[in-house]
Structures are given as C-alpha cells and as structure tokens.
C-alpha cells in the first residue's frame, strides 16, 4: 500500500507511488544506521519485472499502481 512500511531484515521499505509512467518510487530506511533517514530509489518498471535489488534483498515486480505495489520477495534459504 502507498506510504505503508514493511520491515525486511535490518531495513524498512516504503512504497511511494509511481514516478511518471515508467518508474516507481521506494524509500529504504536502514534501521541500524539512522531510523529517521529515508533513501529514495526510482526503479524502472520494465527492468523491475525481471528482477531488482533493494535493501540487500532481491525482488520481482508483479504490478505497480498509483495506490499499491505487488512484489515478489526472493528469500535466501538457510543451509
């Protein structure tokens, strides 16, 4: 959902909506570094449908709309 954060590992990511027709915006907060500092990423939609990396994690975009995003999170399997 737009502006709602989710914790992933030692970071927090927040969807900030579409950036035109070709990109979407995500903020990353590195909780151990500074929980009040947001790092903004503008990610191309076309490339993200293949795979993208954010906060040390791998994702694949399923869909991006004005109010919400759907992504697939590739979790590492512990051996």
N, C-alpha and C. Protein backbone atom coordinates (compact mmCIF):
# COMPACT_ATOMS: atom_id res chain seq x y z
N UNK A 1 0.83 -1.18 0.00
CA UNK A 1 0.00 0.00 0.00
C UNK A 1 0.88 1.25 0.00
N UNK A 2 0.38 2.30 -0.52
CA UNK A 2 1.09 3.57 -0.60
C UNK A 2 1.42 4.08 0.81
N UNK A 3 2.66 4.48 1.00
CA UNK A 3 3.17 5.07 2.24
C UNK A 3 3.14 4.14 3.46
N UNK A 4 2.91 2.87 3.26
CA UNK A 4 2.94 1.91 4.37
C UNK A 4 4.27 1.18 4.33
N UNK A 5 4.93 1.08 5.49
CA UNK A 5 6.24 0.45 5.52
C UNK A 5 6.14 -1.03 5.87
N UNK A 6 7.19 -1.75 5.45
CA UNK A 6 7.33 -3.16 5.77
C UNK A 6 8.79 -3.40 6.14
N UNK A 7 9.00 -4.13 7.21
CA UNK A 7 10.35 -4.43 7.66
C UNK A 7 10.86 -5.68 6.96
N UNK A 8 12.05 -5.56 6.41
CA UNK A 8 12.70 -6.69 5.74
C UNK A 8 14.13 -6.73 6.25
N UNK A 9 14.44 -7.75 7.02
CA UNK A 9 15.78 -7.85 7.60
C UNK A 9 16.03 -6.69 8.55
N UNK A 10 17.13 -6.00 8.33
CA UNK A 10 17.50 -4.87 9.18
C UNK A 10 17.12 -3.54 8.54
N UNK A 11 16.21 -3.59 7.58
CA UNK A 11 15.78 -2.39 6.87
C UNK A 11 14.26 -2.32 6.82
N UNK A 12 13.79 -1.18 6.41
CA UNK A 12 12.36 -0.96 6.23
C UNK A 12 12.20 -0.35 4.84
N UNK A 13 11.21 -0.82 4.07
CA UNK A 13 10.95 -0.23 2.76
C UNK A 13 9.53 0.33 2.73
N UNK A 14 9.37 1.42 1.97
CA UNK A 14 8.09 2.12 1.88
C UNK A 14 7.81 2.41 0.41
N UNK A 15 6.62 2.02 -0.08
CA UNK A 15 6.22 2.33 -1.44
C UNK A 15 5.73 3.77 -1.47
N UNK A 16 6.27 4.58 -2.41
CA UNK A 16 5.92 6.00 -2.51
C UNK A 16 5.18 6.35 -3.79
N UNK A 17 4.74 5.35 -4.54
CA UNK A 17 3.91 5.61 -5.71
C UNK A 17 4.68 5.59 -7.02
N UNK A 18 3.95 5.90 -8.08
CA UNK A 18 4.52 5.91 -9.42
C UNK A 18 5.28 7.21 -9.65
N UNK A 19 6.29 7.12 -10.47
CA UNK A 19 7.08 8.28 -10.90
C UNK A 19 6.92 8.37 -12.41
N UNK A 20 5.84 9.00 -12.86
CA UNK A 20 5.52 9.01 -14.28
C UNK A 20 4.92 7.67 -14.67
N UNK A 21 5.11 7.29 -15.94
CA UNK A 21 4.58 6.02 -16.44
C UNK A 21 5.61 4.91 -16.45
N UNK A 22 6.89 5.25 -16.28
CA UNK A 22 7.93 4.26 -16.49
C UNK A 22 8.68 3.84 -15.22
N UNK A 23 8.42 4.50 -14.10
CA UNK A 23 9.16 4.19 -12.87
C UNK A 23 8.24 4.23 -11.66
N UNK A 24 8.71 3.60 -10.57
CA UNK A 24 8.03 3.72 -9.28
C UNK A 24 9.06 4.09 -8.23
N UNK A 25 8.57 4.66 -7.11
CA UNK A 25 9.47 5.15 -6.07
C UNK A 25 9.36 4.28 -4.82
N UNK A 26 10.51 3.96 -4.24
CA UNK A 26 10.59 3.23 -2.98
C UNK A 26 11.58 3.95 -2.08
N UNK A 27 11.25 4.03 -0.81
CA UNK A 27 12.19 4.55 0.19
C UNK A 27 12.71 3.38 1.01
N UNK A 28 13.99 3.46 1.37
CA UNK A 28 14.61 2.46 2.21
C UNK A 28 15.13 3.16 3.46
N UNK A 29 14.88 2.56 4.60
CA UNK A 29 15.40 3.04 5.88
C UNK A 29 16.29 1.94 6.43
N UNK A 30 17.56 2.26 6.68
CA UNK A 30 18.48 1.31 7.30
C UNK A 30 18.39 1.56 8.80
N UNK A 31 17.67 0.67 9.48
CA UNK A 31 17.33 0.89 10.88
C UNK A 31 18.54 0.99 11.79
N UNK A 32 19.58 0.24 11.53
CA UNK A 32 20.79 0.28 12.36
C UNK A 32 21.58 1.58 12.17
N UNK A 33 21.48 2.15 10.99
CA UNK A 33 22.23 3.37 10.68
C UNK A 33 21.52 4.60 11.24
N UNK A 34 20.33 4.86 10.72
CA UNK A 34 19.54 6.02 11.16
C UNK A 34 18.08 5.74 10.83
N UNK A 35 17.27 5.43 11.83
CA UNK A 35 15.86 5.09 11.57
C UNK A 35 15.02 6.26 11.05
N UNK A 36 15.59 7.45 11.00
CA UNK A 36 14.86 8.61 10.50
C UNK A 36 15.30 9.06 9.11
N UNK A 37 16.28 8.37 8.54
CA UNK A 37 16.80 8.75 7.21
C UNK A 37 16.21 7.83 6.14
N UNK A 38 15.55 8.44 5.15
CA UNK A 38 14.96 7.71 4.03
C UNK A 38 15.85 7.86 2.80
N UNK A 39 16.14 6.76 2.14
CA UNK A 39 16.91 6.78 0.89
C UNK A 39 15.94 6.45 -0.24
N UNK A 40 15.77 7.38 -1.15
CA UNK A 40 14.78 7.25 -2.23
C UNK A 40 15.39 6.54 -3.44
N UNK A 41 14.64 5.60 -3.99
CA UNK A 41 15.02 4.89 -5.21
C UNK A 41 13.90 5.05 -6.22
N UNK A 42 14.28 5.34 -7.46
CA UNK A 42 13.34 5.38 -8.58
C UNK A 42 13.70 4.20 -9.48
N UNK A 43 12.81 3.25 -9.56
CA UNK A 43 13.11 1.97 -10.21
C UNK A 43 12.30 1.86 -11.50
N UNK A 44 12.97 1.58 -12.62
CA UNK A 44 12.24 1.41 -13.89
C UNK A 44 11.33 0.17 -13.84
N UNK A 45 10.09 0.36 -14.22
CA UNK A 45 9.10 -0.72 -14.17
C UNK A 45 9.50 -1.88 -15.07
N UNK A 46 9.94 -1.59 -16.27
CA UNK A 46 10.28 -2.66 -17.22
C UNK A 46 11.39 -3.56 -16.67
N UNK A 47 12.44 -2.96 -16.11
CA UNK A 47 13.55 -3.75 -15.55
C UNK A 47 13.12 -4.48 -14.29
N UNK A 48 12.27 -3.86 -13.48
CA UNK A 48 11.84 -4.46 -12.21
C UNK A 48 10.98 -5.70 -12.42
N UNK A 49 10.34 -5.81 -13.60
CA UNK A 49 9.55 -7.01 -13.88
C UNK A 49 10.44 -8.23 -14.05
N UNK A 50 11.71 -8.02 -14.34
CA UNK A 50 12.67 -9.12 -14.41
C UNK A 50 13.21 -9.41 -13.02
N UNK A 51 13.79 -8.39 -12.38
CA UNK A 51 14.29 -8.50 -11.02
C UNK A 51 14.97 -7.21 -10.63
N UNK A 52 14.90 -6.85 -9.36
CA UNK A 52 15.64 -5.70 -8.85
C UNK A 52 16.09 -5.98 -7.42
N UNK A 53 17.07 -5.23 -6.98
CA UNK A 53 17.66 -5.42 -5.66
C UNK A 53 17.44 -4.14 -4.85
N UNK A 54 17.00 -4.32 -3.61
CA UNK A 54 16.72 -3.21 -2.73
C UNK A 54 16.97 -3.67 -1.29
N UNK A 55 17.68 -2.87 -0.52
CA UNK A 55 17.97 -3.18 0.89
C UNK A 55 18.65 -4.54 1.04
N UNK A 56 19.50 -4.88 0.09
CA UNK A 56 20.24 -6.14 0.16
C UNK A 56 19.39 -7.37 -0.15
N UNK A 57 18.19 -7.16 -0.68
CA UNK A 57 17.27 -8.25 -0.99
C UNK A 57 16.89 -8.20 -2.47
N UNK A 58 16.50 -9.35 -3.00
CA UNK A 58 16.07 -9.43 -4.40
C UNK A 58 14.55 -9.50 -4.48
N UNK A 59 14.00 -8.76 -5.46
CA UNK A 59 12.56 -8.69 -5.67
C UNK A 59 12.25 -8.77 -7.16
N UNK A 60 10.98 -9.08 -7.45
CA UNK A 60 10.47 -9.01 -8.82
C UNK A 60 9.12 -8.30 -8.75
N UNK A 61 8.95 -7.33 -9.63
CA UNK A 61 7.70 -6.57 -9.69
C UNK A 61 6.61 -7.40 -10.34
N UNK A 62 5.46 -7.47 -9.67
CA UNK A 62 4.29 -8.11 -10.24
C UNK A 62 3.40 -7.04 -10.87
N UNK A 63 3.08 -5.99 -10.08
CA UNK A 63 2.32 -4.86 -10.61
C UNK A 63 2.57 -3.63 -9.76
N UNK A 64 2.47 -2.47 -10.41
CA UNK A 64 2.62 -1.19 -9.73
C UNK A 64 1.48 -0.29 -10.15
N UNK A 65 0.71 0.15 -9.18
CA UNK A 65 -0.39 1.07 -9.41
C UNK A 65 -0.16 2.32 -8.58
N UNK A 66 -0.97 3.31 -8.77
CA UNK A 66 -0.84 4.57 -8.03
C UNK A 66 -0.90 4.36 -6.52
N UNK A 67 -1.78 3.49 -6.06
CA UNK A 67 -2.01 3.33 -4.62
C UNK A 67 -1.37 2.10 -3.99
N UNK A 68 -0.84 1.19 -4.80
CA UNK A 68 -0.28 -0.05 -4.24
C UNK A 68 0.70 -0.70 -5.22
N UNK A 69 1.53 -1.55 -4.65
CA UNK A 69 2.51 -2.30 -5.46
C UNK A 69 2.45 -3.76 -5.02
N UNK A 70 2.68 -4.65 -5.96
CA UNK A 70 2.82 -6.07 -5.64
C UNK A 70 4.19 -6.50 -6.10
N UNK A 71 4.96 -7.06 -5.17
CA UNK A 71 6.30 -7.54 -5.50
C UNK A 71 6.50 -8.92 -4.91
N UNK A 72 7.37 -9.66 -5.55
CA UNK A 72 7.75 -10.99 -5.09
C UNK A 72 9.11 -10.84 -4.42
N UNK A 73 9.23 -11.30 -3.16
CA UNK A 73 10.47 -11.22 -2.40
C UNK A 73 11.16 -12.58 -2.45
N UNK A 74 12.38 -12.59 -2.98
CA UNK A 74 13.17 -13.82 -3.04
C UNK A 74 13.95 -13.95 -1.74
N UNK A 75 13.52 -14.84 -0.88
CA UNK A 75 14.18 -15.05 0.40
C UNK A 75 15.30 -16.07 0.24
N UNK A 76 16.40 -15.81 0.93
CA UNK A 76 17.51 -16.76 0.91
C UNK A 76 17.17 -17.96 1.76
N UNK A 77 17.50 -19.13 1.27
CA UNK A 77 17.28 -20.37 2.01
C UNK A 77 18.52 -20.67 2.83
N UNK A 78 18.34 -20.81 4.14
CA UNK A 78 19.47 -21.12 5.01
C UNK A 78 19.81 -22.59 4.89
N UNK A 79 21.09 -22.88 4.73
CA UNK A 79 21.51 -24.28 4.60
C UNK A 79 22.34 -24.69 5.78
